[in-house]
Every structure is written in C-alpha cells, then in structure tokens.
Amino acid sequence: MKEIIATTNAPAAIGPYSQATKFDNVVYVSGQLPIDPATGALSTEDIAGQTKLVMNNISNILKAAGSSLDKILMTTILVADLSNFDAINEAYGSFFEKDAPARACYQVAALPKNAAIEVAVIAAVE
C-alpha cells in the first residue's frame, strides 16, 4: 500500500506532489530545492551551502519515512550550471562516509523558483 510521507522538518511541496511516497520497502523522495523549511525561502547561500541544505532536507524526509541517507539507492541531481559540479560533488560527498549511492547529474535549462539545484532520491526502508 502506498503511504504519503510528510514532515515539517523539510519544505512543503510547492505543487501537486508529496515530499515522498513509500511503497513496500522503498521510499521515493520528490526533487528537493534549497528551501529553508522554517521560512519557506529559497537559500541565497553558495552552491555548496545550497547542496547541504537540500541533503539535510532529504535526510529529514527519509527519517520521517523510516529510512536514512545510508539507505539511498539512487540519487538524481539537477543543476542550473554544471560548472558548479566540483563544489556540488564536495558538499554532496560529505554526506556519505563510504559506499555512496548510484547517481546521475544533469544540467537543465531551468529549475522551479530559479533554483540552482534540485535533488531527488530513492531509498530502501528497513
């Protein structure tokens, strides 16, 4: 049975979607923008800070679903400017001590709210 995951420790959805859905032992986290969950404002930090904010928000959603960052199976990163790849990689990599998940990273023409980064993940739930 599909379960909708929602937490106030991550930004509310800005459209007709859920923060995440869980089915069986898998949680699908919707793309997360660098939005401060307390204020609802898009971060103005540098790309490393924005990446860390996104990953912290994802961590909070995964926790609400009974999962965690170390159970991520696949990450998809969308960026507005691929020249930020090294800074994003460093910030993203700091969340994984070893055995990082599979990942894809794409430059896109634009993201909602003119964000610089959006990250979606699929994770196991045990």
N, C-alpha and C. Protein backbone atom coordinates (compact mmCIF):
# COMPACT_ATOMS: atom_id res chain seq x y z
N MET A 1 0.83 -1.18 0.00
CA MET A 1 0.00 0.00 0.00
C MET A 1 0.88 1.25 0.00
N LYS A 2 0.53 2.22 -0.80
CA LYS A 2 1.28 3.48 -0.88
C LYS A 2 1.00 4.34 0.34
N GLU A 3 2.09 4.91 0.90
CA GLU A 3 1.99 5.80 2.04
C GLU A 3 2.60 7.15 1.68
N ILE A 4 1.89 8.22 1.97
CA ILE A 4 2.40 9.58 1.73
C ILE A 4 3.25 9.99 2.93
N ILE A 5 4.44 10.50 2.65
CA ILE A 5 5.35 10.94 3.70
C ILE A 5 5.36 12.46 3.71
N ALA A 6 5.19 13.04 4.89
CA ALA A 6 5.24 14.50 5.05
C ALA A 6 5.84 14.83 6.40
N THR A 7 6.69 15.83 6.42
CA THR A 7 7.30 16.30 7.66
C THR A 7 7.44 17.81 7.60
N THR A 8 7.32 18.44 8.75
CA THR A 8 7.53 19.89 8.82
C THR A 8 9.02 20.22 8.89
N ASN A 9 9.87 19.19 8.97
CA ASN A 9 11.32 19.39 9.02
C ASN A 9 11.95 19.49 7.63
N ALA A 10 11.11 19.61 6.62
CA ALA A 10 11.55 19.80 5.24
C ALA A 10 10.53 20.71 4.57
N PRO A 11 10.92 21.36 3.46
CA PRO A 11 9.99 22.28 2.82
C PRO A 11 8.70 21.59 2.36
N ALA A 12 7.61 22.29 2.48
CA ALA A 12 6.34 21.80 1.95
C ALA A 12 6.42 21.76 0.42
N ALA A 13 5.67 20.87 -0.17
CA ALA A 13 5.62 20.79 -1.62
C ALA A 13 5.11 22.11 -2.20
N ILE A 14 5.67 22.51 -3.33
CA ILE A 14 5.26 23.77 -3.97
C ILE A 14 4.32 23.51 -5.15
N GLY A 15 3.82 22.30 -5.23
CA GLY A 15 2.91 21.93 -6.31
C GLY A 15 2.11 20.70 -5.91
N PRO A 16 1.44 20.11 -6.88
CA PRO A 16 0.60 18.94 -6.59
C PRO A 16 1.42 17.64 -6.52
N TYR A 17 2.25 17.55 -5.49
CA TYR A 17 3.04 16.35 -5.25
C TYR A 17 3.32 16.24 -3.76
N SER A 18 3.81 15.09 -3.34
CA SER A 18 4.15 14.84 -1.94
C SER A 18 5.65 14.98 -1.75
N GLN A 19 6.08 15.25 -0.52
CA GLN A 19 7.51 15.26 -0.23
C GLN A 19 8.10 13.91 -0.60
N ALA A 20 7.36 12.85 -0.28
CA ALA A 20 7.81 11.50 -0.61
C ALA A 20 6.63 10.55 -0.57
N THR A 21 6.80 9.42 -1.22
CA THR A 21 5.86 8.32 -1.11
C THR A 21 6.64 7.06 -0.78
N LYS A 22 6.01 6.22 0.02
CA LYS A 22 6.63 4.95 0.39
C LYS A 22 5.76 3.83 -0.10
N PHE A 23 6.38 2.82 -0.69
CA PHE A 23 5.67 1.64 -1.15
C PHE A 23 6.53 0.44 -0.81
N ASP A 24 5.95 -0.51 -0.08
CA ASP A 24 6.69 -1.66 0.42
C ASP A 24 7.91 -1.15 1.19
N ASN A 25 9.09 -1.54 0.78
CA ASN A 25 10.31 -1.14 1.50
C ASN A 25 11.14 -0.13 0.72
N VAL A 26 10.47 0.71 -0.06
CA VAL A 26 11.16 1.73 -0.85
C VAL A 26 10.48 3.08 -0.65
N VAL A 27 11.29 4.12 -0.48
CA VAL A 27 10.75 5.48 -0.38
C VAL A 27 11.29 6.29 -1.56
N TYR A 28 10.40 7.03 -2.19
CA TYR A 28 10.72 7.87 -3.35
C TYR A 28 10.57 9.32 -2.91
N VAL A 29 11.70 10.02 -2.81
CA VAL A 29 11.67 11.41 -2.36
C VAL A 29 11.63 12.33 -3.58
N SER A 30 10.63 13.19 -3.61
CA SER A 30 10.50 14.16 -4.70
C SER A 30 11.70 15.09 -4.74
N GLY A 31 11.93 15.69 -5.89
CA GLY A 31 13.02 16.64 -6.02
C GLY A 31 12.92 17.74 -4.99
N GLN A 32 14.02 17.97 -4.29
CA GLN A 32 14.06 18.98 -3.24
C GLN A 32 14.92 20.16 -3.69
N LEU A 33 14.36 21.34 -3.55
CA LEU A 33 15.07 22.58 -3.85
C LEU A 33 15.73 23.07 -2.56
N PRO A 34 16.68 23.99 -2.66
CA PRO A 34 17.33 24.52 -1.46
C PRO A 34 16.44 25.55 -0.76
N ILE A 35 15.39 25.05 -0.14
CA ILE A 35 14.43 25.89 0.56
C ILE A 35 14.55 25.64 2.05
N ASP A 36 14.60 26.72 2.82
CA ASP A 36 14.65 26.62 4.27
C ASP A 36 13.25 26.23 4.76
N PRO A 37 13.12 25.08 5.42
CA PRO A 37 11.78 24.65 5.85
C PRO A 37 11.15 25.58 6.89
N ALA A 38 11.95 26.32 7.64
CA ALA A 38 11.42 27.22 8.66
C ALA A 38 10.79 28.47 8.05
N THR A 39 11.39 28.96 6.96
CA THR A 39 10.91 30.22 6.37
C THR A 39 10.19 30.03 5.04
N GLY A 40 10.45 28.93 4.37
CA GLY A 40 9.89 28.71 3.03
C GLY A 40 10.64 29.49 1.96
N ALA A 41 11.75 30.11 2.33
CA ALA A 41 12.51 30.93 1.38
C ALA A 41 13.61 30.11 0.71
N LEU A 42 13.84 30.43 -0.55
CA LEU A 42 14.94 29.82 -1.30
C LEU A 42 16.26 30.33 -0.74
N SER A 43 17.21 29.44 -0.53
CA SER A 43 18.50 29.80 0.04
C SER A 43 19.28 30.71 -0.91
N THR A 44 19.99 31.65 -0.33
CA THR A 44 20.88 32.52 -1.11
C THR A 44 22.35 32.18 -0.83
N GLU A 45 22.59 31.05 -0.14
CA GLU A 45 23.96 30.60 0.11
C GLU A 45 24.63 30.21 -1.20
N ASP A 46 25.95 29.99 -1.14
CA ASP A 46 26.65 29.49 -2.33
C ASP A 46 26.16 28.07 -2.63
N ILE A 47 26.58 27.52 -3.77
CA ILE A 47 26.06 26.23 -4.21
C ILE A 47 26.37 25.11 -3.22
N ALA A 48 27.51 25.17 -2.54
CA ALA A 48 27.83 24.15 -1.53
C ALA A 48 26.83 24.21 -0.38
N GLY A 49 26.53 25.41 0.09
CA GLY A 49 25.56 25.58 1.16
C GLY A 49 24.17 25.13 0.74
N GLN A 50 23.80 25.44 -0.50
CA GLN A 50 22.50 25.02 -1.02
C GLN A 50 22.43 23.49 -1.11
N THR A 51 23.51 22.88 -1.56
CA THR A 51 23.55 21.42 -1.66
C THR A 51 23.39 20.79 -0.28
N LYS A 52 24.07 21.33 0.71
CA LYS A 52 23.97 20.81 2.07
C LYS A 52 22.56 20.98 2.63
N LEU A 53 21.92 22.11 2.36
CA LEU A 53 20.55 22.33 2.80
C LEU A 53 19.62 21.29 2.18
N VAL A 54 19.77 21.07 0.87
CA VAL A 54 18.94 20.08 0.18
C VAL A 54 19.14 18.70 0.80
N MET A 55 20.39 18.32 1.04
CA MET A 55 20.66 17.00 1.60
C MET A 55 20.14 16.87 3.03
N ASN A 56 20.21 17.93 3.80
CA ASN A 56 19.63 17.89 5.15
C ASN A 56 18.12 17.75 5.09
N ASN A 57 17.48 18.44 4.16
CA ASN A 57 16.03 18.31 3.98
C ASN A 57 15.67 16.88 3.57
N ILE A 58 16.45 16.32 2.65
CA ILE A 58 16.21 14.93 2.24
C ILE A 58 16.39 13.98 3.42
N SER A 59 17.42 14.21 4.22
CA SER A 59 17.64 13.38 5.41
C SER A 59 16.43 13.41 6.34
N ASN A 60 15.85 14.58 6.52
CA ASN A 60 14.66 14.71 7.38
C ASN A 60 13.45 13.98 6.80
N ILE A 61 13.29 14.04 5.49
CA ILE A 61 12.19 13.32 4.85
C ILE A 61 12.41 11.81 4.98
N LEU A 62 13.63 11.37 4.74
CA LEU A 62 13.93 9.94 4.87
C LEU A 62 13.68 9.46 6.30
N LYS A 63 14.06 10.26 7.28
CA LYS A 63 13.84 9.90 8.67
C LYS A 63 12.34 9.74 8.94
N ALA A 64 11.53 10.64 8.40
CA ALA A 64 10.08 10.55 8.58
C ALA A 64 9.50 9.29 7.94
N ALA A 65 10.21 8.78 6.93
CA ALA A 65 9.76 7.57 6.22
C ALA A 65 10.33 6.30 6.84
N GLY A 66 11.18 6.45 7.87
CA GLY A 66 11.80 5.28 8.48
C GLY A 66 13.05 4.83 7.76
N SER A 67 13.70 5.74 7.06
CA SER A 67 14.91 5.44 6.31
C SER A 67 16.00 6.42 6.70
N SER A 68 17.08 6.45 5.94
CA SER A 68 18.19 7.36 6.22
C SER A 68 19.06 7.50 4.98
N LEU A 69 19.98 8.45 5.04
CA LEU A 69 20.87 8.71 3.91
C LEU A 69 21.67 7.48 3.51
N ASP A 70 22.06 6.66 4.47
CA ASP A 70 22.88 5.49 4.14
C ASP A 70 22.08 4.39 3.44
N LYS A 71 20.78 4.59 3.32
CA LYS A 71 19.94 3.61 2.61
C LYS A 71 19.53 4.10 1.22
N ILE A 72 20.09 5.25 0.79
CA ILE A 72 19.79 5.76 -0.55
C ILE A 72 20.35 4.80 -1.60
N LEU A 73 19.51 4.44 -2.55
CA LEU A 73 19.90 3.56 -3.64
C LEU A 73 20.29 4.34 -4.89
N MET A 74 19.58 5.44 -5.14
CA MET A 74 19.79 6.23 -6.35
C MET A 74 19.50 7.69 -6.08
N THR A 75 20.38 8.55 -6.56
CA THR A 75 20.21 10.00 -6.45
C THR A 75 20.19 10.59 -7.86
N THR A 76 19.30 11.54 -8.07
CA THR A 76 19.29 12.32 -9.31
C THR A 76 19.47 13.78 -8.92
N ILE A 77 20.52 14.40 -9.48
CA ILE A 77 20.81 15.80 -9.20
C ILE A 77 20.60 16.60 -10.48
N LEU A 78 19.80 17.65 -10.38
CA LEU A 78 19.57 18.57 -11.49
C LEU A 78 20.21 19.90 -11.12
N VAL A 79 21.01 20.46 -12.02
CA VAL A 79 21.69 21.72 -11.73
C VAL A 79 21.46 22.71 -12.86
N ALA A 80 21.43 23.98 -12.50
CA ALA A 80 21.26 25.03 -13.49
C ALA A 80 22.58 25.34 -14.19
N ASP A 81 23.71 25.05 -13.53
CA ASP A 81 25.02 25.37 -14.09
C ASP A 81 26.01 24.26 -13.73
N LEU A 82 26.37 23.46 -14.70
CA LEU A 82 27.25 22.33 -14.46
C LEU A 82 28.67 22.74 -14.11
N SER A 83 29.00 24.02 -14.27
CA SER A 83 30.32 24.47 -13.83
C SER A 83 30.44 24.42 -12.31
N ASN A 84 29.32 24.25 -11.61
CA ASN A 84 29.31 24.09 -10.15
C ASN A 84 29.51 22.64 -9.72
N PHE A 85 29.78 21.75 -10.66
CA PHE A 85 29.85 20.31 -10.40
C PHE A 85 30.82 19.97 -9.27
N ASP A 86 32.02 20.54 -9.27
CA ASP A 86 33.01 20.21 -8.25
C ASP A 86 32.55 20.61 -6.85
N ALA A 87 31.99 21.79 -6.70
CA ALA A 87 31.51 22.25 -5.40
C ALA A 87 30.32 21.41 -4.93
N ILE A 88 29.44 21.06 -5.85
CA ILE A 88 28.30 20.21 -5.52
C ILE A 88 28.80 18.83 -5.09
N ASN A 89 29.74 18.28 -5.85
CA ASN A 89 30.30 16.97 -5.54
C ASN A 89 30.90 16.93 -4.14
N GLU A 90 31.65 17.96 -3.79
CA GLU A 90 32.29 18.00 -2.48
C GLU A 90 31.25 18.07 -1.36
N ALA A 91 30.27 18.95 -1.51
CA ALA A 91 29.22 19.09 -0.49
C ALA A 91 28.38 17.81 -0.40
N TYR A 92 27.97 17.28 -1.53
CA TYR A 92 27.17 16.05 -1.58
C TYR A 92 27.94 14.89 -0.97
N GLY A 93 29.20 14.75 -1.35
CA GLY A 93 30.04 13.66 -0.88
C GLY A 93 30.24 13.65 0.62
N SER A 94 30.14 14.82 1.26
CA SER A 94 30.33 14.89 2.71
C SER A 94 29.22 14.16 3.47
N PHE A 95 28.14 13.81 2.81
CA PHE A 95 27.04 13.10 3.46
C PHE A 95 27.21 11.58 3.41
N PHE A 96 28.25 11.12 2.72
CA PHE A 96 28.46 9.67 2.57
C PHE A 96 29.89 9.32 2.93
N GLU A 97 30.06 8.63 4.07
CA GLU A 97 31.40 8.25 4.51
C GLU A 97 32.01 7.20 3.59
N LYS A 98 31.18 6.27 3.12
CA LYS A 98 31.63 5.24 2.18
C LYS A 98 30.40 4.73 1.44
N ASP A 99 30.65 3.99 0.40
CA ASP A 99 29.58 3.35 -0.37
C ASP A 99 28.48 4.34 -0.77
N ALA A 100 28.86 5.39 -1.47
CA ALA A 100 27.88 6.35 -1.97
C ALA A 100 26.91 5.65 -2.91
N PRO A 101 25.67 6.14 -2.99
CA PRO A 101 24.68 5.51 -3.86
C PRO A 101 24.96 5.78 -5.34
N ALA A 102 24.26 5.05 -6.18
CA ALA A 102 24.30 5.35 -7.62
C ALA A 102 23.76 6.77 -7.80
N ARG A 103 24.19 7.43 -8.89
CA ARG A 103 23.81 8.83 -9.06
C ARG A 103 23.85 9.24 -10.52
N ALA A 104 22.98 10.17 -10.85
CA ALA A 104 23.02 10.85 -12.14
C ALA A 104 23.00 12.34 -11.85
N CYS A 105 23.68 13.12 -12.68
CA CYS A 105 23.71 14.58 -12.51
C CYS A 105 23.56 15.21 -13.89
N TYR A 106 22.58 16.09 -14.02
CA TYR A 106 22.29 16.72 -15.31
C TYR A 106 22.22 18.23 -15.16
N GLN A 107 22.67 18.93 -16.18
CA GLN A 107 22.39 20.36 -16.26
C GLN A 107 21.07 20.52 -16.99
N VAL A 108 20.23 21.40 -16.48
CA VAL A 108 18.92 21.64 -17.07
C VAL A 108 18.78 23.12 -17.41
N ALA A 109 17.84 23.44 -18.26
CA ALA A 109 17.65 24.84 -18.68
C ALA A 109 17.19 25.73 -17.54
N ALA A 110 16.34 25.19 -16.67
CA ALA A 110 15.82 25.97 -15.55
C ALA A 110 15.20 25.03 -14.53
N LEU A 111 15.14 25.51 -13.29
CA LEU A 111 14.50 24.77 -12.21
C LEU A 111 13.42 25.63 -11.57
N PRO A 112 12.45 25.03 -10.89
CA PRO A 112 11.41 25.83 -10.23
C PRO A 112 12.03 26.87 -9.30
N LYS A 113 11.39 28.02 -9.22
CA LYS A 113 11.83 29.15 -8.38
C LYS A 113 13.22 29.66 -8.76
N ASN A 114 13.67 29.32 -9.97
CA ASN A 114 15.01 29.69 -10.44
C ASN A 114 16.11 29.16 -9.51
N ALA A 115 15.87 28.01 -8.92
CA ALA A 115 16.85 27.39 -8.03
C ALA A 115 18.07 26.96 -8.82
N ALA A 116 19.19 26.80 -8.12
CA ALA A 116 20.44 26.36 -8.74
C ALA A 116 20.60 24.85 -8.73
N ILE A 117 19.86 24.16 -7.83
CA ILE A 117 20.00 22.72 -7.68
C ILE A 117 18.68 22.11 -7.21
N GLU A 118 18.44 20.88 -7.63
CA GLU A 118 17.32 20.07 -7.16
C GLU A 118 17.82 18.64 -7.06
N VAL A 119 17.45 17.95 -5.98
CA VAL A 119 17.93 16.58 -5.77
C VAL A 119 16.73 15.70 -5.41
N ALA A 120 16.63 14.55 -6.07
CA ALA A 120 15.62 13.53 -5.77
C ALA A 120 16.34 12.23 -5.45
N VAL A 121 15.78 11.42 -4.56
CA VAL A 121 16.39 10.15 -4.21
C VAL A 121 15.37 9.04 -4.11
N ILE A 122 15.87 7.83 -4.23
CA ILE A 122 15.13 6.61 -3.97
C ILE A 122 15.92 5.86 -2.91
N ALA A 123 15.25 5.44 -1.84
CA ALA A 123 15.96 4.80 -0.74
C ALA A 123 15.19 3.57 -0.23
N ALA A 124 15.95 2.66 0.35
CA ALA A 124 15.36 1.48 0.99
C ALA A 124 14.83 1.88 2.37
N VAL A 125 13.83 1.14 2.82
CA VAL A 125 13.30 1.31 4.17
C VAL A 125 13.36 -0.08 4.81
N GLU A 126 13.96 -0.15 5.98
CA GLU A 126 14.05 -1.46 6.66
C GLU A 126 13.35 -1.43 7.96
